[in-house]
Structure formats: structure tokens, C-alpha cells
């Protein structure tokens, strides 16, 4: 049985959906400028990761930027900056689910009950794991966590930790891999 969302839930969901759509349109319309943002260094890494994790458009682009900038900048800083940017971007998906709870939730659904049980048992560990792996399922997973009213602070901290771990690995892969290739080609970094 579905319940009608409260005014607060509808407002949060409407704002989250509007921001997601606006960011998606911005990315699509200004794709050529995204490469220039990467030249902004750490700030560009942060900004691109907020944008690409706040939408479902070009999610792999943040990964490419993190890998590439890890090869030419300090990989530890690139990983940390990318991780916090990705966590901030992911909050849009969380709040979309938070507001859409009354519209999409069917508490009698087997899938809903199964995921609720997993989150109830494993909570932050599950979020850390899903956010730490390269997976296209994180966006819908974050929406679901908002729907089941998983605590926002716990969601953010577990997402930040998982995304930072993943970004550190990517940045160091870029540092060792990309730097080696550029040096082999005789290009000085």
C-alpha cells in the first residue's frame, strides 16, 4: 500500500530531481568544456566527480579524470579530492530516494524486503563495499537507501570512505601506470 509523500519529502525529492536533471543537461550540453575543467587540477577533479556522481550521465568520466590526474598530480590528494567529490555527488541520489519513498515503495515486495534485510544486517559495511567497487548499481542503491530512510550521516560517511578507497586505487594506478607509459615514451612529467 502506497502512502502519499509529505510536503517535505515532495520538496526534497523535487529539488533533488531538478538538480539531477540540470546537472545531466549541463554535462551533455557542455561536454567539450569538461576536458578543460580537468586542467583546473584538484578543483577540476573535485568538480567533475561531484557532477558525474550526482547524475547517471557519464559516470565513468570521473573515473577517467581521477586516473589521469593521478598520473600527473599527487595521487594521494587526487584520490582524497575525488572521494569527497563523489560522496557529495551521491547525496543527490540518496535524497531522491528519500523523497520518493511514498511513491515507489511497496513494503510487501520480495525485492524490497530482501534489500531492507541486507541493509538492516550489514548497513554501513554494505554501503562501503558497494561504493568502493566500480559498479553501475551504486546510483540505484543510493536511491534505495534514501527510500528505506537509512541515516544520511551514516550513508555519507560510508560512501565517502568507500569512494575515497576506490579513488585512491585509481589515482595510484594512474600514477604508476600512466607515469610509466609517459616516461617510456620520453615525455617528461
C-alpha atoms as a PDB file:
ATOM      1  CA  UNK A   1       0.000   0.000   0.000  1.00  0.00           C
ATOM      2  CA  UNK A   2       1.469   3.326  -1.040  1.00  0.00           C
ATOM      3  CA  UNK A   3       1.201   6.402   1.095  1.00  0.00           C
ATOM      4  CA  UNK A   4       1.217   9.963  -0.122  1.00  0.00           C
ATOM      5  CA  UNK A   5       4.582  11.716   0.416  1.00  0.00           C
ATOM      6  CA  UNK A   6       4.670  14.579   2.899  1.00  0.00           C
ATOM      7  CA  UNK A   7       5.266  18.133   1.667  1.00  0.00           C
ATOM      8  CA  UNK A   8       8.835  17.965   2.991  1.00  0.00           C
ATOM      9  CA  UNK A   9       9.513  14.687   1.163  1.00  0.00           C
ATOM     10  CA  UNK A  10       7.994  16.042  -2.044  1.00  0.00           C
ATOM     11  CA  UNK A  11      10.078  19.229  -1.794  1.00  0.00           C
ATOM     12  CA  UNK A  12      13.347  17.347  -1.166  1.00  0.00           C
ATOM     13  CA  UNK A  13      12.559  14.919  -3.989  1.00  0.00           C
ATOM     14  CA  UNK A  14      11.610  17.698  -6.383  1.00  0.00           C
ATOM     15  CA  UNK A  15      14.796  19.643  -5.666  1.00  0.00           C
ATOM     16  CA  UNK A  16      16.956  16.505  -5.961  1.00  0.00           C
ATOM     17  CA  UNK A  17      15.322  15.522  -9.229  1.00  0.00           C
ATOM     18  CA  UNK A  18      15.641  19.065 -10.615  1.00  0.00           C
ATOM     19  CA  UNK A  19      19.340  19.249  -9.674  1.00  0.00           C
ATOM     20  CA  UNK A  20      19.993  15.808 -11.212  1.00  0.00           C
ATOM     21  CA  UNK A  21      18.261  16.792 -14.451  1.00  0.00           C
ATOM     22  CA  UNK A  22      20.016  20.179 -14.547  1.00  0.00           C
ATOM     23  CA  UNK A  23      23.451  18.606 -13.978  1.00  0.00           C
ATOM     24  CA  UNK A  24      22.751  15.974 -16.634  1.00  0.00           C
ATOM     25  CA  UNK A  25      21.738  18.616 -19.166  1.00  0.00           C
ATOM     26  CA  UNK A  26      24.768  20.732 -18.240  1.00  0.00           C
ATOM     27  CA  UNK A  27      27.115  17.794 -18.797  1.00  0.00           C
ATOM     28  CA  UNK A  28      25.500  16.879 -22.118  1.00  0.00           C
ATOM     29  CA  UNK A  29      25.400  20.457 -23.388  1.00  0.00           C
ATOM     30  CA  UNK A  30      28.959  21.343 -22.372  1.00  0.00           C
ATOM     31  CA  UNK A  31      30.838  18.078 -22.905  1.00  0.00           C
ATOM     32  CA  UNK A  32      33.708  19.892 -24.615  1.00  0.00           C
ATOM     33  CA  UNK A  33      34.302  22.061 -21.546  1.00  0.00           C
ATOM     34  CA  UNK A  34      34.598  19.095 -19.199  1.00  0.00           C
ATOM     35  CA  UNK A  35      38.095  18.371 -20.574  1.00  0.00           C
ATOM     36  CA  UNK A  36      39.097  21.957 -19.791  1.00  0.00           C
ATOM     37  CA  UNK A  37      37.861  21.556 -16.216  1.00  0.00           C
ATOM     38  CA  UNK A  38      40.345  18.726 -15.777  1.00  0.00           C
ATOM     39  CA  UNK A  39      43.091  21.291 -16.418  1.00  0.00           C
ATOM     40  CA  UNK A  40      41.988  23.009 -13.209  1.00  0.00           C
ATOM     41  CA  UNK A  41      43.846  20.287 -11.308  1.00  0.00           C
ATOM     42  CA  UNK A  42      42.493  19.256  -7.923  1.00  0.00           C
ATOM     43  CA  UNK A  43      39.492  21.579  -8.098  1.00  0.00           C
ATOM     44  CA  UNK A  44      38.610  20.199 -11.534  1.00  0.00           C
ATOM     45  CA  UNK A  45      38.892  16.656 -10.177  1.00  0.00           C
ATOM     46  CA  UNK A  46      36.549  17.533  -7.307  1.00  0.00           C
ATOM     47  CA  UNK A  47      34.052  19.368  -9.523  1.00  0.00           C
ATOM     48  CA  UNK A  48      33.885  16.642 -12.178  1.00  0.00           C
ATOM     49  CA  UNK A  49      33.429  13.931  -9.567  1.00  0.00           C
ATOM     50  CA  UNK A  50      30.587  15.848  -7.903  1.00  0.00           C
ATOM     51  CA  UNK A  51      28.904  16.268 -11.297  1.00  0.00           C
ATOM     52  CA  UNK A  52      29.365  12.730 -12.551  1.00  0.00           C
ATOM     53  CA  UNK A  53      28.264  11.122  -9.275  1.00  0.00           C
ATOM     54  CA  UNK A  54      25.293  13.430  -8.857  1.00  0.00           C
ATOM     55  CA  UNK A  55      23.833  12.186 -12.123  1.00  0.00           C
ATOM     56  CA  UNK A  56      23.568   8.970 -14.050  1.00  0.00           C
ATOM     57  CA  UNK A  57      25.094  10.629 -17.144  1.00  0.00           C
ATOM     58  CA  UNK A  58      28.786   9.927 -17.849  1.00  0.00           C
ATOM     59  CA  UNK A  59      29.505   8.127 -14.570  1.00  0.00           C
ATOM     60  CA  UNK A  60      32.742   6.739 -15.994  1.00  0.00           C
ATOM     61  CA  UNK A  61      34.120  10.170 -16.804  1.00  0.00           C
ATOM     62  CA  UNK A  62      35.039  10.844 -13.165  1.00  0.00           C
ATOM     63  CA  UNK A  63      36.963   7.567 -13.121  1.00  0.00           C
ATOM     64  CA  UNK A  64      38.936   8.605 -16.210  1.00  0.00           C
ATOM     65  CA  UNK A  65      39.724  12.029 -14.732  1.00  0.00           C
ATOM     66  CA  UNK A  66      40.818  10.519 -11.393  1.00  0.00           C
ATOM     67  CA  UNK A  67      43.077   8.003 -13.159  1.00  0.00           C
ATOM     68  CA  UNK A  68      44.560  10.637 -15.492  1.00  0.00           C
ATOM     69  CA  UNK A  69      45.142  13.308 -12.833  1.00  0.00           C
ATOM     70  CA  UNK A  70      46.645  10.666 -10.532  1.00  0.00           C
ATOM     71  CA  UNK A  71      49.338  10.213 -13.181  1.00  0.00           C
ATOM     72  CA  UNK A  72      50.261  13.885 -13.350  1.00  0.00           C
ATOM     73  CA  UNK A  73      49.457  15.254  -9.862  1.00  0.00           C
ATOM     74  CA  UNK A  74      49.945  13.938  -6.323  1.00  0.00           C
ATOM     75  CA  UNK A  75      47.874  10.709  -6.368  1.00  0.00           C
ATOM     76  CA  UNK A  76      47.047  10.803  -2.639  1.00  0.00           C
ATOM     77  CA  UNK A  77      45.498  14.255  -2.955  1.00  0.00           C
ATOM     78  CA  UNK A  78      43.720  13.336  -6.205  1.00  0.00           C
ATOM     79  CA  UNK A  79      42.217  10.237  -4.531  1.00  0.00           C
ATOM     80  CA  UNK A  80      41.088  12.188  -1.466  1.00  0.00           C
ATOM     81  CA  UNK A  81      39.594  15.027  -3.522  1.00  0.00           C
ATOM     82  CA  UNK A  82      37.821  12.630  -5.882  1.00  0.00           C
ATOM     83  CA  UNK A  83      36.439  10.599  -2.965  1.00  0.00           C
ATOM     84  CA  UNK A  84      34.852  13.570  -1.226  1.00  0.00           C
ATOM     85  CA  UNK A  85      33.514  14.864  -4.559  1.00  0.00           C
ATOM     86  CA  UNK A  86      31.930  11.500  -5.347  1.00  0.00           C
ATOM     87  CA  UNK A  87      30.355  11.273  -1.878  1.00  0.00           C
ATOM     88  CA  UNK A  88      28.882  14.764  -2.185  1.00  0.00           C
ATOM     89  CA  UNK A  89      27.529  13.928  -5.630  1.00  0.00           C
ATOM     90  CA  UNK A  90      25.975  10.677  -4.369  1.00  0.00           C
ATOM     91  CA  UNK A  91      23.850  12.531  -1.839  1.00  0.00           C
ATOM     92  CA  UNK A  92      21.617  13.650  -4.717  1.00  0.00           C
ATOM     93  CA  UNK A  93      20.653  10.036  -5.404  1.00  0.00           C
ATOM     94  CA  UNK A  94      20.089   9.423  -1.696  1.00  0.00           C
ATOM     95  CA  UNK A  95      17.751  12.400  -1.315  1.00  0.00           C
ATOM     96  CA  UNK A  96      15.876  11.460  -4.475  1.00  0.00           C
ATOM     97  CA  UNK A  97      15.063   8.129  -2.846  1.00  0.00           C
ATOM     98  CA  UNK A  98      14.359   9.771   0.496  1.00  0.00           C
ATOM     99  CA  UNK A  99      11.682  11.935  -1.043  1.00  0.00           C
ATOM    100  CA  UNK A 100      10.315   9.243  -3.322  1.00  0.00           C
ATOM    101  CA  UNK A 101       9.692   6.730  -0.577  1.00  0.00           C
ATOM    102  CA  UNK A 102       5.940   7.099  -0.626  1.00  0.00           C
ATOM    103  CA  UNK A 103       5.762   6.941  -4.400  1.00  0.00           C
ATOM    104  CA  UNK A 104       7.938   3.923  -5.132  1.00  0.00           C
ATOM    105  CA  UNK A 105       7.998   1.762  -2.042  1.00  0.00           C
ATOM    106  CA  UNK A 106       5.990  -1.401  -1.865  1.00  0.00           C
ATOM    107  CA  UNK A 107       6.855  -2.812   1.537  1.00  0.00           C
ATOM    108  CA  UNK A 108       5.384  -6.195   0.595  1.00  0.00           C
ATOM    109  CA  UNK A 109       7.700  -6.636  -2.389  1.00  0.00           C
ATOM    110  CA  UNK A 110      10.171  -9.513  -2.067  1.00  0.00           C
ATOM    111  CA  UNK A 111      12.974  -7.389  -3.526  1.00  0.00           C
ATOM    112  CA  UNK A 112      12.245  -4.524  -1.142  1.00  0.00           C
ATOM    113  CA  UNK A 113      12.196  -6.867   1.850  1.00  0.00           C
ATOM    114  CA  UNK A 114      15.406  -8.635   0.779  1.00  0.00           C
ATOM    115  CA  UNK A 115      17.335  -5.374   0.379  1.00  0.00           C
ATOM    116  CA  UNK A 116      15.895  -3.998   3.616  1.00  0.00           C
ATOM    117  CA  UNK A 117      17.106  -7.084   5.458  1.00  0.00           C
ATOM    118  CA  UNK A 118      20.606  -6.799   3.944  1.00  0.00           C
ATOM    119  CA  UNK A 119      20.803  -3.136   4.911  1.00  0.00           C
ATOM    120  CA  UNK A 120      19.450  -3.924   8.368  1.00  0.00           C
ATOM    121  CA  UNK A 121      22.120  -6.578   8.953  1.00  0.00           C
ATOM    122  CA  UNK A 122      25.114  -5.059   7.181  1.00  0.00           C
ATOM    123  CA  UNK A 123      24.319  -1.322   6.898  1.00  0.00           C
ATOM    124  CA  UNK A 124      27.473   0.733   6.588  1.00  0.00           C
ATOM    125  CA  UNK A 125      29.624  -2.245   5.558  1.00  0.00           C
ATOM    126  CA  UNK A 126      27.340  -2.895   2.569  1.00  0.00           C
ATOM    127  CA  UNK A 127      27.440   0.771   1.581  1.00  0.00           C
ATOM    128  CA  UNK A 128      31.223   0.862   1.880  1.00  0.00           C
ATOM    129  CA  UNK A 129      31.569  -2.246  -0.294  1.00  0.00           C
ATOM    130  CA  UNK A 130      29.145  -1.100  -2.999  1.00  0.00           C
ATOM    131  CA  UNK A 131      30.690   2.367  -3.124  1.00  0.00           C
ATOM    132  CA  UNK A 132      34.266   1.017  -3.199  1.00  0.00           C
ATOM    133  CA  UNK A 133      33.814  -1.131  -6.301  1.00  0.00           C
ATOM    134  CA  UNK A 134      33.373   0.085  -9.862  1.00  0.00           C
ATOM    135  CA  UNK A 135      29.690  -0.634 -10.233  1.00  0.00           C
ATOM    136  CA  UNK A 136      26.838   0.873 -12.232  1.00  0.00           C
ATOM    137  CA  UNK A 137      24.491  -0.163  -9.416  1.00  0.00           C
ATOM    138  CA  UNK A 138      25.551   2.477  -6.892  1.00  0.00           C
ATOM    139  CA  UNK A 139      23.132   5.173  -8.087  1.00  0.00           C
ATOM    140  CA  UNK A 140      20.012   2.979  -7.708  1.00  0.00           C
ATOM    141  CA  UNK A 141      21.471   1.568  -4.488  1.00  0.00           C
ATOM    142  CA  UNK A 142      21.800   5.101  -3.071  1.00  0.00           C
ATOM    143  CA  UNK A 143      18.214   5.866  -4.137  1.00  0.00           C
ATOM    144  CA  UNK A 144      17.046   2.739  -2.323  1.00  0.00           C
ATOM    145  CA  UNK A 145      18.949   3.719   0.838  1.00  0.00           C
ATOM    146  CA  UNK A 146      17.084   7.012   0.840  1.00  0.00           C
ATOM    147  CA  UNK A 147      13.807   5.162   0.360  1.00  0.00           C
ATOM    148  CA  UNK A 148      14.392   2.947   3.407  1.00  0.00           C
ATOM    149  CA  UNK A 149      15.444   6.004   5.415  1.00  0.00           C
ATOM    150  CA  UNK A 150      18.962   4.774   6.130  1.00  0.00           C
ATOM    151  CA  UNK A 151      20.621   7.511   8.216  1.00  0.00           C
ATOM    152  CA  UNK A 152      22.056  10.241   5.993  1.00  0.00           C
ATOM    153  CA  UNK A 153      25.211  10.788   8.081  1.00  0.00           C
ATOM    154  CA  UNK A 154      25.988   7.054   8.097  1.00  0.00           C
ATOM    155  CA  UNK A 155      25.264   6.904   4.361  1.00  0.00           C
ATOM    156  CA  UNK A 156      27.571   9.846   3.646  1.00  0.00           C
ATOM    157  CA  UNK A 157      30.449   8.598   5.824  1.00  0.00           C
ATOM    158  CA  UNK A 158      30.332   5.036   4.449  1.00  0.00           C
ATOM    159  CA  UNK A 159      30.046   6.350   0.876  1.00  0.00           C
ATOM    160  CA  UNK A 160      32.908   8.802   1.444  1.00  0.00           C
ATOM    161  CA  UNK A 161      35.138   6.044   2.836  1.00  0.00           C
ATOM    162  CA  UNK A 162      34.326   3.615   0.018  1.00  0.00           C
ATOM    163  CA  UNK A 163      34.604   6.183  -2.761  1.00  0.00           C
ATOM    164  CA  UNK A 164      37.876   7.505  -1.341  1.00  0.00           C
ATOM    165  CA  UNK A 165      39.365   3.992  -1.202  1.00  0.00           C
ATOM    166  CA  UNK A 166      38.316   3.378  -4.826  1.00  0.00           C
ATOM    167  CA  UNK A 167      39.613   6.780  -5.934  1.00  0.00           C
ATOM    168  CA  UNK A 168      42.955   6.243  -4.189  1.00  0.00           C
ATOM    169  CA  UNK A 169      43.419   2.961  -6.052  1.00  0.00           C
ATOM    170  CA  UNK A 170      42.518   4.633  -9.363  1.00  0.00           C
ATOM    171  CA  UNK A 171      44.813   7.607  -8.723  1.00  0.00           C
ATOM    172  CA  UNK A 172      47.752   5.355  -7.816  1.00  0.00           C
ATOM    173  CA  UNK A 173      47.087   3.163 -10.847  1.00  0.00           C
ATOM    174  CA  UNK A 174      47.281   6.344 -12.882  1.00  0.00           C
ATOM    175  CA  UNK A 175      50.422   7.412 -11.065  1.00  0.00           C
ATOM    176  CA  UNK A 176      52.288   4.174 -11.642  1.00  0.00           C
ATOM    177  CA  UNK A 177      50.713   3.157 -14.953  1.00  0.00           C
ATOM    178  CA  UNK A 178      50.298   6.456 -16.795  1.00  0.00           C
ATOM    179  CA  UNK A 179      53.544   7.922 -15.468  1.00  0.00           C
ATOM    180  CA  UNK A 180      55.461   4.817 -16.608  1.00  0.00           C
ATOM    181  CA  UNK A 181      53.941   4.967 -20.080  1.00  0.00           C
ATOM    182  CA  UNK A 182      54.687   8.680 -20.454  1.00  0.00           C
ATOM    183  CA  UNK A 183      58.274   8.173 -19.266  1.00  0.00           C
ATOM    184  CA  UNK A 184      58.689   5.233 -21.649  1.00  0.00           C
ATOM    185  CA  UNK A 185      57.538   7.499 -24.494  1.00  0.00           C
ATOM    186  CA  UNK A 186      60.131  10.048 -23.411  1.00  0.00           C
ATOM    187  CA  UNK A 187      57.588  12.607 -22.229  1.00  0.00           C
ATOM    188  CA  UNK A 188      58.672  14.415 -19.080  1.00  0.00           C
ATOM    189  CA  UNK A 189      56.078  14.905 -16.348  1.00  0.00           C
END
